[in-house]
Protein backbone atom coordinates (compact mmCIF):
# COMPACT_ATOMS: atom_id res chain seq x y z
CA UNK A 1 58.83 69.96 211.82
CA UNK A 2 61.74 69.22 209.54
CA UNK A 3 65.43 68.83 210.29
CA UNK A 4 66.05 71.95 208.21
CA UNK A 5 63.60 73.97 210.34
CA UNK A 6 65.15 72.59 213.54
CA UNK A 7 68.73 73.51 212.56
CA UNK A 8 67.68 76.96 211.29
CA UNK A 9 65.77 77.59 214.52
CA UNK A 10 68.73 76.64 216.72
CA UNK A 11 71.07 78.87 214.72
CA UNK A 12 68.50 81.66 214.91
CA UNK A 13 68.43 81.56 218.69
CA UNK A 14 72.22 81.59 218.86
CA UNK A 15 72.47 84.44 216.35
CA UNK A 16 69.95 86.68 218.12
CA UNK A 17 71.47 85.96 221.53
CA UNK A 18 74.89 86.96 220.16
CA UNK A 19 73.32 90.11 218.67
CA UNK A 20 71.87 91.07 222.05
CA UNK A 21 75.37 90.61 223.49
CA UNK A 22 76.81 92.75 220.63
CA UNK A 23 79.08 89.91 219.54
CA UNK A 24 80.01 90.25 215.84
CA UNK A 25 79.88 86.46 215.43
CA UNK A 26 76.10 86.91 215.29
CA UNK A 27 76.48 87.89 211.63
CA UNK A 28 78.14 84.78 210.11
CA UNK A 29 75.94 82.49 212.20
CA UNK A 30 72.96 84.53 211.09
CA UNK A 31 74.05 84.14 207.48
CA UNK A 32 73.85 80.35 207.75
CA UNK A 33 70.50 80.59 209.55
CA UNK A 34 68.83 82.86 206.97
CA UNK A 35 70.15 80.68 204.14
CA UNK A 36 68.54 77.61 205.69
CA UNK A 37 65.30 79.46 206.37
CA UNK A 38 65.24 80.72 202.77
CA UNK A 39 65.28 77.11 201.64
CA UNK A 40 62.59 76.13 204.18
CA UNK A 41 60.26 78.95 203.16
CA UNK A 42 60.71 78.14 199.47
CA UNK A 43 59.54 74.60 200.18
CA UNK A 44 56.36 75.89 201.91
CA UNK A 45 55.69 78.61 199.26
CA UNK A 46 56.12 81.67 201.49
CA UNK A 47 57.89 83.54 198.73
CA UNK A 48 58.10 86.91 200.47
CA UNK A 49 59.90 85.10 203.27
CA UNK A 50 62.30 83.60 200.71
CA UNK A 51 63.02 87.11 199.41
CA UNK A 52 63.34 88.39 202.97
CA UNK A 53 65.90 85.75 203.84
CA UNK A 54 67.81 86.48 200.64
CA UNK A 55 68.02 90.14 201.57
CA UNK A 56 68.82 89.15 205.16
CA UNK A 57 71.80 87.19 203.79
CA UNK A 58 73.14 90.40 202.23
CA UNK A 59 72.30 92.29 205.43
CA UNK A 60 74.29 89.77 207.47
CA UNK A 61 77.38 90.64 205.45
CA UNK A 62 76.61 94.37 205.72
CA UNK A 63 76.00 94.13 209.47
CA UNK A 64 79.23 92.24 210.02
CA UNK A 65 81.09 94.93 208.11
CA UNK A 66 79.36 97.73 210.04
CA UNK A 67 79.99 96.15 213.41
CA UNK A 68 83.66 95.44 212.84
CA UNK A 69 84.66 98.91 211.69
CA UNK A 70 84.60 102.15 213.63
CA UNK A 71 85.78 103.23 217.03
CA UNK A 72 83.16 101.93 219.48
CA UNK A 73 84.30 99.71 222.31
CA UNK A 74 81.48 97.18 221.77
CA UNK A 75 81.57 95.59 218.33
CA UNK A 76 83.30 98.48 216.54
CA UNK A 77 80.19 100.66 216.34
CA UNK A 78 78.44 102.22 219.33
CA UNK A 79 74.72 101.86 219.99
CA UNK A 80 72.89 105.06 219.08
CA UNK A 81 69.32 106.23 218.67
CA UNK A 82 67.62 106.63 215.34
CA UNK A 83 66.57 110.18 214.50
CA UNK A 84 62.92 111.09 214.08
CA UNK A 85 63.62 111.46 210.35
CA UNK A 86 65.11 107.94 210.16
CA UNK A 87 62.15 106.48 212.00
CA UNK A 88 59.54 108.31 209.94
CA UNK A 89 61.19 107.64 206.59
CA UNK A 90 61.81 104.01 207.49
CA UNK A 91 58.20 103.43 208.48
CA UNK A 92 56.89 105.06 205.30
CA UNK A 93 59.25 103.05 203.08
CA UNK A 94 58.34 99.82 204.91
CA UNK A 95 54.60 100.54 204.56
CA UNK A 96 54.91 101.30 200.85
CA UNK A 97 57.13 98.26 200.41
CA UNK A 98 54.50 96.12 202.16
CA UNK A 99 51.82 97.15 199.70
CA UNK A 100 54.05 96.82 196.65
CA UNK A 101 55.43 93.42 197.61
CA UNK A 102 51.98 92.20 198.62
CA UNK A 103 50.52 93.18 195.25
CA UNK A 104 53.41 91.54 193.43
CA UNK A 105 53.10 88.31 195.43
CA UNK A 106 49.31 88.24 194.97
CA UNK A 107 49.98 87.32 191.32
CA UNK A 108 51.88 84.16 192.29
CA UNK A 109 50.82 81.02 194.11
CA UNK A 110 52.27 82.53 197.31
CA UNK A 111 50.56 81.64 200.56
CA UNK A 112 49.19 84.70 202.43
CA UNK A 113 50.86 87.35 200.24
CA UNK A 114 49.61 90.43 202.16
CA UNK A 115 50.63 89.54 205.72
CA UNK A 116 53.81 87.86 204.47
CA UNK A 117 54.79 91.01 202.55
CA UNK A 118 54.04 93.35 205.48
CA UNK A 119 56.08 91.29 207.93
CA UNK A 120 58.86 91.10 205.36
CA UNK A 121 59.04 94.85 204.77
CA UNK A 122 59.09 95.76 208.45
CA UNK A 123 61.62 93.01 209.20
CA UNK A 124 63.94 94.56 206.64
CA UNK A 125 63.66 97.91 208.37
CA UNK A 126 64.40 96.34 211.76
CA UNK A 127 67.38 94.49 210.29
CA UNK A 128 68.79 97.69 208.78
CA UNK A 129 68.47 99.48 212.11
CA UNK A 130 70.15 96.53 213.80
CA UNK A 131 73.10 96.66 211.39
CA UNK A 132 73.42 100.39 212.12
CA UNK A 133 73.10 99.71 215.89
CA UNK A 134 69.99 101.82 216.39
CA UNK A 135 68.46 100.72 219.70
CA UNK A 136 64.97 101.22 218.23
CA UNK A 137 65.49 98.08 216.12
CA UNK A 138 64.49 96.09 219.18
CA UNK A 139 61.18 97.92 219.59
CA UNK A 140 60.32 97.11 215.99
CA UNK A 141 61.53 93.52 216.40
CA UNK A 142 59.27 93.07 219.44
CA UNK A 143 56.23 94.09 217.38
CA UNK A 144 57.21 92.16 214.24
CA UNK A 145 58.24 88.99 216.08
CA UNK A 146 55.00 88.97 218.07
CA UNK A 147 53.03 89.19 214.82
CA UNK A 148 55.19 86.43 213.33
CA UNK A 149 54.25 84.13 216.21
CA UNK A 150 50.58 84.41 215.25
CA UNK A 151 51.37 84.12 211.54
CA UNK A 152 53.27 80.86 211.98
CA UNK A 153 50.84 79.39 214.54
CA UNK A 154 48.03 80.00 212.04
CA UNK A 155 49.95 77.85 209.53
CA UNK A 156 50.86 75.14 212.07
CA UNK A 157 54.62 75.87 211.89
CA UNK A 158 54.90 75.40 215.62
CA UNK A 159 58.68 75.23 215.91
CA UNK A 160 59.12 78.41 213.90
CA UNK A 161 56.34 80.09 215.91
CA UNK A 162 58.15 79.07 219.10
CA UNK A 163 61.38 80.44 217.68
CA UNK A 164 59.74 83.79 217.04
CA UNK A 165 58.30 83.73 220.56
CA UNK A 166 61.85 83.28 221.82
CA UNK A 167 63.01 86.03 219.43
CA UNK A 168 60.41 88.32 221.05
CA UNK A 169 61.84 87.63 224.50
CA UNK A 170 65.38 88.15 223.21
CA UNK A 171 64.27 91.42 221.60
CA UNK A 172 63.00 92.63 224.98
CA UNK A 173 66.38 91.70 226.43
CA UNK A 174 68.14 93.41 223.51
CA UNK A 175 66.14 96.60 224.01
CA UNK A 176 67.11 96.72 227.67
CA UNK A 177 70.80 95.97 227.05
CA UNK A 178 71.23 98.25 224.03
CA UNK A 179 69.53 101.18 225.77
CA UNK A 180 71.90 100.66 228.69
CA UNK A 181 74.89 100.52 226.32
CA UNK A 182 73.71 103.76 224.72
CA UNK A 183 73.50 105.45 228.12
CA UNK A 184 77.01 104.29 228.96
CA UNK A 185 78.33 105.76 225.69
CA UNK A 186 76.57 109.05 226.42
CA UNK A 187 78.01 109.20 229.94
CA UNK A 188 81.56 108.49 228.78
């Protein structure tokens, strides 16, 4: 465990908790967290994770913009459901992205390029849905975060594995709260 991993983990918990609560401050705090994790993953040669955190940095800015514009009472944008087309297209793009990124990373000294790439691609999809306030982001986060726990335990990154275990619990909480917020918008 490094100081960098410890600080990034603490900011990660705060950021996800704020996201569950639909507080737009989740985005700038998340920006600092993903920047620190990008550095951490570079040091341990998980290059898909470095790319993921780089894209997450851009997504933090995009999410902050999305959440602070619009007419919804909670965070500027109301919670809605993804359409079947959004879900299907997103899953196909993430699967294809997993294969492409995995093949690309296999030609580097990256550690575990296949699993790293798959988790990266599906995390990007979940992050996009989160920025757009699709309640289904939490279902995908539950699956991805659970897989991340095993991935990081396998590599003895116990603090990060614990963080993703906590992320899984927060994602369950987020699913419950965002589905409730969606029902309240529909009833209004």
